[in-house]
């Protein structure tokens, strides 16, 4: 009897083990189909289109008054910058860079600018007779562009200054011995002090390169000044594309016309904007908000002028060629000036004195209010 009980107990134990071993093990699901993917990154990549003349991380190629020094602390770029010192009793400073391998700047005379960081200990001591020069002939007097300090010193201060010198503002732009921008091999900046210095003065150069010139702002659209908009227009401070606001226009129910007009009055100082562009390389760029693109008539236009009106000294673009490229919401328009009508007119627009812009169009009459917006109006070069 005892043996039978033992056999029964063993049988029960074996059955229990078998049942337990057949029990389904619960694992954490690896199914991620219910997880939402991260939103796409809409940040525009920063593309460096510049051509480096010198990163100033070493003294190679530099010829500086009193020999110069490589400073490895507090550089504006990289691991160092080149420093020059006017010793007590001296009155002259020069940074001269000679390149054994010429640099292709990748720019044209109408698109480029010379960029570098310039450290100044005391601006008030610099005489305005100095110059900044770059050349493709390895000297400052031939095949060169230059900028006089007389027009620059008022824009700088003690400490580091980021210089952006557009080629279009340089002397030498129309010389017979025109600089070869595909083979730059020389640069210098030189100046005297107004008197012999009584204490040592230090200056520095860092990160010298050529890049496409920055856009020129016509209107940031952060205020209504100079704007004339259908139904008065309003300044909207929420969700602008740039700055603190944008200009909004409204077509009321039953209306059928919208116009944004920007005009700089003749009494303003200055009474124009120097876009620093030429028609062959210039672009008109701005953000345009459209509530419903299907309601806009193709007969509208976009116009700019230097005569403060849309009919003289102007460039223009018809909306018939633009509307197929835009959508509801914000659109960044980039209008090439060579594609504009008026490009070959006798009364050529003066882009150094632009004072007028407008966009106008009819819309289908609706029973609901329609809103449109303009932001960040500028001229760029490509």
Protein backbone atom coordinates (compact mmCIF):
# COMPACT_ATOMS: atom_id res chain seq x y z
CA UNK A 1 0.00 0.00 0.00
CA UNK A 2 2.81 2.34 0.88
CA UNK A 3 4.41 1.56 -2.48
CA UNK A 4 1.20 2.43 -4.32
CA UNK A 5 0.99 5.81 -2.54
CA UNK A 6 4.55 6.59 -3.50
CA UNK A 7 3.81 5.69 -7.13
CA UNK A 8 0.73 7.92 -7.13
CA UNK A 9 2.67 10.86 -5.71
CA UNK A 10 5.39 10.48 -8.36
CA UNK A 11 2.78 10.33 -11.11
CA UNK A 12 1.14 13.50 -9.88
CA UNK A 13 4.54 15.25 -9.75
CA UNK A 14 5.41 14.18 -13.31
CA UNK A 15 2.01 15.35 -14.62
CA UNK A 16 2.48 18.73 -12.88
CA UNK A 17 5.91 19.19 -14.47
CA UNK A 18 4.52 18.31 -17.90
CA UNK A 19 1.65 20.81 -17.59
CA UNK A 20 3.93 23.56 -16.38
CA UNK A 21 6.41 22.98 -19.19
CA UNK A 22 3.62 23.30 -21.75
CA UNK A 23 2.45 26.63 -20.36
CA UNK A 24 2.94 29.45 -22.90
CA UNK A 25 5.64 31.87 -21.83
CA UNK A 26 4.61 35.54 -22.19
CA UNK A 27 7.27 37.69 -23.83
CA UNK A 28 7.18 41.45 -24.24
CA UNK A 29 5.94 42.22 -27.73
CA UNK A 30 8.49 43.50 -30.22
CA UNK A 31 5.77 44.89 -32.45
CA UNK A 32 6.49 48.62 -32.81
CA UNK A 33 3.82 49.31 -35.40
CA UNK A 34 1.86 51.35 -32.87
CA UNK A 35 4.78 53.68 -32.21
CA UNK A 36 4.66 56.99 -34.04
CA UNK A 37 7.83 57.82 -36.02
CA UNK A 38 9.63 61.04 -35.13
CA UNK A 39 8.59 64.07 -37.17
CA UNK A 40 10.76 64.70 -40.21
CA UNK A 41 13.64 67.13 -39.74
CA UNK A 42 12.74 70.18 -41.82
CA UNK A 43 15.84 72.15 -40.82
CA UNK A 44 17.63 73.30 -43.95
CA UNK A 45 21.18 71.93 -44.11
CA UNK A 46 23.91 74.55 -43.94
CA UNK A 47 25.93 74.25 -47.14
CA UNK A 48 29.33 75.92 -47.06
CA UNK A 49 29.90 77.41 -50.51
CA UNK A 50 32.86 79.54 -49.46
CA UNK A 51 36.44 79.38 -50.68
CA UNK A 52 39.03 79.68 -47.89
CA UNK A 53 41.96 82.04 -48.48
CA UNK A 54 43.40 81.42 -45.02
CA UNK A 55 41.96 79.98 -41.83
CA UNK A 56 44.78 81.84 -40.02
CA UNK A 57 45.59 78.76 -37.96
CA UNK A 58 49.29 79.17 -38.82
CA UNK A 59 51.63 81.90 -40.00
CA UNK A 60 52.47 80.19 -43.31
CA UNK A 61 51.98 82.64 -46.17
CA UNK A 62 51.57 85.64 -43.86
CA UNK A 63 53.89 88.65 -43.77
CA UNK A 64 53.02 90.87 -40.80
CA UNK A 65 54.60 93.98 -39.33
CA UNK A 66 57.07 92.99 -36.60
CA UNK A 67 56.83 89.35 -37.63
CA UNK A 68 53.37 88.54 -36.35
CA UNK A 69 52.29 85.94 -33.80
CA UNK A 70 50.00 82.90 -33.92
CA UNK A 71 47.47 83.19 -31.06
CA UNK A 72 45.73 79.96 -30.01
CA UNK A 73 43.25 81.39 -27.51
CA UNK A 74 39.83 82.91 -28.26
CA UNK A 75 40.02 82.46 -32.02
CA UNK A 76 36.88 83.23 -34.04
CA UNK A 77 37.35 80.04 -36.08
CA UNK A 78 39.58 77.02 -35.88
CA UNK A 79 42.48 76.75 -33.48
CA UNK A 80 44.06 80.18 -33.80
CA UNK A 81 44.40 83.57 -35.45
CA UNK A 82 47.29 85.73 -36.66
CA UNK A 83 48.16 88.78 -34.58
CA UNK A 84 50.14 91.87 -35.48
CA UNK A 85 51.57 94.41 -33.04
CA UNK A 86 52.53 98.05 -33.47
CA UNK A 87 55.33 98.60 -30.97
CA UNK A 88 55.62 101.77 -28.91
CA UNK A 89 56.69 104.63 -31.18
CA UNK A 90 55.45 102.90 -34.34
CA UNK A 91 52.58 103.95 -36.59
CA UNK A 92 52.09 101.26 -39.27
CA UNK A 93 50.34 97.91 -39.50
CA UNK A 94 50.11 95.50 -42.42
CA UNK A 95 48.81 91.97 -42.81
CA UNK A 96 49.90 90.53 -46.14
CA UNK A 97 48.96 87.06 -47.40
CA UNK A 98 50.69 85.43 -50.39
CA UNK A 99 49.25 82.12 -51.60
CA UNK A 100 51.51 79.61 -53.31
CA UNK A 101 48.42 77.86 -54.71
CA UNK A 102 45.85 80.29 -56.19
CA UNK A 103 42.29 79.95 -54.91
CA UNK A 104 39.22 79.64 -57.11
CA UNK A 105 36.66 81.76 -55.25
CA UNK A 106 33.68 80.15 -57.07
CA UNK A 107 32.14 83.63 -57.36
CA UNK A 108 31.59 86.33 -59.96
CA UNK A 109 32.11 90.06 -59.52
CA UNK A 110 28.37 90.52 -58.98
CA UNK A 111 27.91 87.70 -56.46
CA UNK A 112 30.97 87.54 -54.20
CA UNK A 113 32.20 89.11 -51.00
CA UNK A 114 35.42 88.96 -49.02
CA UNK A 115 34.78 87.85 -45.45
CA UNK A 116 37.12 87.78 -42.47
CA UNK A 117 37.36 88.60 -38.76
CA UNK A 118 39.37 91.69 -37.83
CA UNK A 119 40.43 92.41 -34.25
CA UNK A 120 41.03 96.08 -33.40
CA UNK A 121 42.35 97.24 -30.06
CA UNK A 122 41.41 100.92 -30.53
CA UNK A 123 39.50 102.07 -33.64
CA UNK A 124 40.04 105.73 -32.85
CA UNK A 125 43.77 105.39 -33.51
CA UNK A 126 43.44 104.11 -37.10
CA UNK A 127 43.91 106.60 -39.93
CA UNK A 128 41.21 106.24 -42.64
CA UNK A 129 43.75 106.29 -45.45
CA UNK A 130 44.38 102.55 -45.28
CA UNK A 131 43.05 99.89 -47.64
CA UNK A 132 42.03 96.25 -47.98
CA UNK A 133 43.08 94.59 -51.24
CA UNK A 134 42.96 91.22 -52.99
CA UNK A 135 44.66 90.30 -56.26
CA UNK A 136 45.27 87.54 -58.79
CA UNK A 137 48.66 89.02 -59.74
CA UNK A 138 50.37 88.53 -56.38
CA UNK A 139 50.57 92.28 -55.76
CA UNK A 140 48.10 94.99 -54.71
CA UNK A 141 48.38 97.21 -57.78
CA UNK A 142 47.37 94.93 -60.65
CA UNK A 143 44.40 92.65 -61.31
CA UNK A 144 42.91 93.54 -57.96
CA UNK A 145 39.88 94.65 -56.00
CA UNK A 146 40.14 97.08 -53.08
CA UNK A 147 38.18 98.79 -50.36
CA UNK A 148 39.22 102.04 -48.66
CA UNK A 149 39.09 102.16 -44.87
CA UNK A 150 37.52 105.61 -45.08
CA UNK A 151 34.13 103.99 -45.72
CA UNK A 152 34.69 101.08 -43.32
CA UNK A 153 35.99 102.55 -40.05
CA UNK A 154 32.61 104.02 -39.10
CA UNK A 155 31.13 100.50 -39.18
CA UNK A 156 33.63 98.79 -36.85
CA UNK A 157 34.37 98.87 -33.13
CA UNK A 158 37.01 97.86 -30.63
CA UNK A 159 37.26 94.06 -30.45
CA UNK A 160 36.37 91.51 -33.10
CA UNK A 161 34.53 92.67 -36.25
CA UNK A 162 33.12 90.37 -38.94
CA UNK A 163 33.96 92.05 -42.24
CA UNK A 164 31.77 91.39 -45.30
CA UNK A 165 33.11 93.35 -48.25
CA UNK A 166 31.10 92.96 -51.44
CA UNK A 167 32.99 92.89 -54.70
CA UNK A 168 30.42 95.20 -56.27
CA UNK A 169 31.50 97.95 -53.80
CA UNK A 170 35.21 97.60 -54.56
CA UNK A 171 37.42 99.80 -56.70
CA UNK A 172 39.02 97.90 -59.56
CA UNK A 173 35.63 96.45 -60.50
CA UNK A 174 35.80 97.99 -63.98
CA UNK A 175 39.56 98.07 -64.51
CA UNK A 176 41.02 96.89 -67.81
CA UNK A 177 43.27 94.50 -65.87
CA UNK A 178 40.31 92.84 -64.20
CA UNK A 179 40.96 90.50 -61.26
CA UNK A 180 40.77 86.78 -62.01
CA UNK A 181 38.44 85.42 -59.35
CA UNK A 182 39.38 81.86 -60.27
CA UNK A 183 43.00 82.44 -59.25
CA UNK A 184 43.27 84.71 -56.18
CA UNK A 185 46.79 84.57 -54.77
CA UNK A 186 47.24 87.72 -52.70
CA UNK A 187 45.51 89.76 -50.02
CA UNK A 188 46.54 92.57 -47.70
CA UNK A 189 45.14 95.03 -45.19
CA UNK A 190 47.30 98.01 -44.27
CA UNK A 191 46.90 101.26 -42.34
CA UNK A 192 48.70 103.88 -40.31
CA UNK A 193 47.79 105.13 -36.90
CA UNK A 194 47.03 108.84 -36.58
CA UNK A 195 50.15 109.30 -34.48
CA UNK A 196 53.02 107.21 -33.18
CA UNK A 197 51.53 104.97 -30.51
CA UNK A 198 52.54 105.46 -26.89
CA UNK A 199 51.52 101.93 -25.94
CA UNK A 200 51.65 98.74 -27.98
CA UNK A 201 48.58 98.19 -30.20
CA UNK A 202 47.48 94.70 -31.27
CA UNK A 203 45.36 93.65 -34.25
CA UNK A 204 44.22 90.25 -35.46
CA UNK A 205 42.94 88.45 -38.56
CA UNK A 206 41.00 85.19 -38.63
CA UNK A 207 39.00 83.02 -41.05
CA UNK A 208 39.56 84.81 -44.36
CA UNK A 209 37.42 83.52 -47.21
CA UNK A 210 35.27 84.43 -50.21
CA UNK A 211 31.58 83.56 -50.23
CA UNK A 212 28.34 84.43 -51.99
CA UNK A 213 27.20 87.85 -50.81
CA UNK A 214 24.45 87.99 -48.20
CA UNK A 215 20.92 89.06 -49.26
CA UNK A 216 19.92 92.71 -48.86
CA UNK A 217 16.73 93.30 -46.89
CA UNK A 218 14.09 95.47 -48.56
CA UNK A 219 11.55 95.01 -45.76
CA UNK A 220 11.60 92.67 -42.79
CA UNK A 221 7.79 93.05 -42.66
CA UNK A 222 8.08 93.49 -38.89
CA UNK A 223 6.14 96.77 -39.13
CA UNK A 224 3.62 98.38 -41.46
CA UNK A 225 5.81 101.38 -42.34
CA UNK A 226 5.81 102.07 -46.12
CA UNK A 227 3.24 99.31 -46.75
CA UNK A 228 -0.10 99.97 -48.47
CA UNK A 229 -2.37 96.92 -48.30
CA UNK A 230 -5.98 96.36 -49.37
CA UNK A 231 -8.32 97.05 -46.44
CA UNK A 232 -5.46 98.58 -44.48
CA UNK A 233 -3.50 95.45 -43.74
CA UNK A 234 -2.38 94.27 -40.32
CA UNK A 235 0.80 93.19 -38.60
CA UNK A 236 0.62 89.60 -37.38
CA UNK A 237 3.08 88.59 -34.67
CA UNK A 238 2.34 84.85 -34.60
CA UNK A 239 4.24 82.32 -36.73
CA UNK A 240 6.17 84.72 -39.00
CA UNK A 241 8.71 83.21 -41.37
CA UNK A 242 11.36 85.69 -40.21
CA UNK A 243 11.72 88.26 -37.46
CA UNK A 244 8.85 89.31 -35.19
CA UNK A 245 5.94 89.54 -37.60
CA UNK A 246 4.53 89.55 -41.11
CA UNK A 247 2.18 91.76 -43.17
CA UNK A 248 -1.32 90.34 -43.63
CA UNK A 249 -3.92 91.44 -46.16
CA UNK A 250 -7.59 90.45 -46.11
CA UNK A 251 -10.14 90.12 -48.89
CA UNK A 252 -13.53 90.50 -47.25
CA UNK A 253 -16.48 88.34 -48.24
CA UNK A 254 -17.74 89.59 -51.57
CA UNK A 255 -14.41 91.24 -52.46
CA UNK A 256 -12.24 90.22 -55.38
CA UNK A 257 -8.92 92.13 -55.18
CA UNK A 258 -5.69 91.96 -53.17
CA UNK A 259 -2.61 94.17 -53.34
CA UNK A 260 0.51 94.50 -51.21
CA UNK A 261 2.48 97.64 -52.14
CA UNK A 262 5.77 98.73 -50.59
CA UNK A 263 6.94 102.26 -51.41
CA UNK A 264 9.80 104.24 -49.84
CA UNK A 265 8.84 107.94 -49.76
CA UNK A 266 11.08 110.53 -51.39
CA UNK A 267 11.40 112.24 -47.99
CA UNK A 268 13.01 109.19 -46.40
CA UNK A 269 16.75 109.02 -45.73
CA UNK A 270 17.77 107.21 -47.79
CA UNK A 271 14.80 107.20 -50.16
CA UNK A 272 15.77 103.83 -51.62
CA UNK A 273 17.50 100.54 -50.90
CA UNK A 274 20.83 99.69 -52.48
CA UNK A 275 20.27 96.02 -53.30
CA UNK A 276 23.95 95.64 -54.31
CA UNK A 277 22.75 93.35 -57.11
CA UNK A 278 22.77 93.38 -60.88
CA UNK A 279 19.98 92.11 -63.07
CA UNK A 280 22.03 89.25 -64.47
CA UNK A 281 22.60 87.64 -61.03
CA UNK A 282 19.79 89.07 -58.88
CA UNK A 283 16.74 87.39 -57.37
CA UNK A 284 13.71 88.91 -55.68
CA UNK A 285 12.86 86.70 -52.70
CA UNK A 286 9.98 86.79 -50.19
CA UNK A 287 7.50 84.60 -48.33
CA UNK A 288 3.89 84.62 -49.58
CA UNK A 289 1.04 83.15 -47.55
CA UNK A 290 -1.97 81.94 -49.58
CA UNK A 291 -5.19 80.71 -47.98
CA UNK A 292 -6.60 79.13 -51.16
CA UNK A 293 -4.49 79.21 -54.31
CA UNK A 294 -7.42 78.03 -56.49
CA UNK A 295 -9.15 81.39 -55.93
CA UNK A 296 -6.31 83.53 -57.37
CA UNK A 297 -6.57 84.80 -60.93
CA UNK A 298 -3.56 84.21 -63.19
CA UNK A 299 -3.69 87.81 -64.41
CA UNK A 300 -1.87 89.31 -61.43
CA UNK A 301 1.74 90.49 -61.31
CA UNK A 302 4.75 91.07 -59.06
CA UNK A 303 6.75 94.23 -59.80
CA UNK A 304 9.77 96.14 -58.51
CA UNK A 305 10.95 99.59 -59.56
CA UNK A 306 13.46 102.37 -58.96
CA UNK A 307 10.96 105.04 -60.11
CA UNK A 308 8.56 104.50 -57.19
CA UNK A 309 5.86 103.23 -59.53
CA UNK A 310 5.21 99.94 -61.33
CA UNK A 311 5.33 101.25 -64.90
CA UNK A 312 8.79 102.82 -65.21
CA UNK A 313 12.31 101.53 -64.54
CA UNK A 314 10.84 98.24 -63.45
CA UNK A 315 11.04 94.46 -63.55
CA UNK A 316 7.97 92.25 -63.36
CA UNK A 317 6.77 88.67 -63.21
CA UNK A 318 3.32 87.45 -64.25
CA UNK A 319 1.44 85.21 -61.83
CA UNK A 320 0.44 82.93 -64.70
CA UNK A 321 3.92 81.37 -64.55
CA UNK A 322 4.07 81.37 -60.74
CA UNK A 323 0.71 80.00 -59.58
CA UNK A 324 1.38 76.42 -60.77
CA UNK A 325 4.42 76.36 -58.46
CA UNK A 326 2.75 77.47 -55.20
CA UNK A 327 0.39 75.87 -52.70
CA UNK A 328 -1.86 76.76 -49.79
CA UNK A 329 0.13 78.08 -46.82
CA UNK A 330 3.56 79.71 -46.89
CA UNK A 331 5.57 79.73 -50.13
CA UNK A 332 9.14 81.00 -50.51
CA UNK A 333 9.32 82.78 -53.88
CA UNK A 334 12.69 83.16 -55.61
CA UNK A 335 12.17 85.20 -58.75
CA UNK A 336 15.11 85.37 -61.12
CA UNK A 337 15.56 88.85 -62.58
CA UNK A 338 16.65 87.50 -65.95
CA UNK A 339 13.18 85.89 -66.19
CA UNK A 340 11.38 89.21 -65.63
CA UNK A 341 9.76 91.40 -68.23
CA UNK A 342 11.42 94.81 -68.41
CA UNK A 343 14.82 93.13 -68.31
CA UNK A 344 15.77 94.62 -71.66
CA UNK A 345 13.72 97.85 -71.53
CA UNK A 346 15.36 101.17 -72.37
CA UNK A 347 14.36 102.56 -68.97
CA UNK A 348 16.49 100.08 -67.04
CA UNK A 349 15.77 99.59 -63.35
CA UNK A 350 18.50 100.91 -61.04
CA UNK A 351 18.96 98.15 -58.48
CA UNK A 352 21.28 100.37 -56.47
CA UNK A 353 18.22 102.62 -55.83
CA UNK A 354 15.22 100.29 -55.57
CA UNK A 355 12.25 102.00 -53.89
CA UNK A 356 9.08 100.13 -54.89
CA UNK A 357 7.55 96.65 -54.88
CA UNK A 358 4.02 95.35 -55.30
CA UNK A 359 2.12 92.13 -55.79
CA UNK A 360 -1.49 92.37 -56.95
CA UNK A 361 -4.14 89.91 -58.13
CA UNK A 362 -7.85 89.33 -58.38
CA UNK A 363 -9.58 86.51 -56.55
CA UNK A 364 -12.84 84.68 -57.08
CA UNK A 365 -15.59 86.30 -55.06
CA UNK A 366 -16.34 84.15 -52.04
CA UNK A 367 -18.71 84.24 -49.12
CA UNK A 368 -15.79 83.80 -46.70
CA UNK A 369 -12.91 86.10 -45.79
CA UNK A 370 -9.59 85.28 -47.48
CA UNK A 371 -6.21 86.16 -45.91
CA UNK A 372 -2.79 86.52 -47.52
CA UNK A 373 0.63 87.37 -46.07
CA UNK A 374 4.05 88.76 -47.02
CA UNK A 375 7.28 88.32 -45.06
CA UNK A 376 11.04 88.80 -45.42
CA UNK A 377 11.27 90.81 -48.66
CA UNK A 378 14.85 90.87 -49.92
CA UNK A 379 17.13 90.79 -52.95
CA UNK A 380 19.70 88.02 -53.20
CA UNK A 381 22.38 87.02 -55.68
CA UNK A 382 23.21 83.53 -56.85
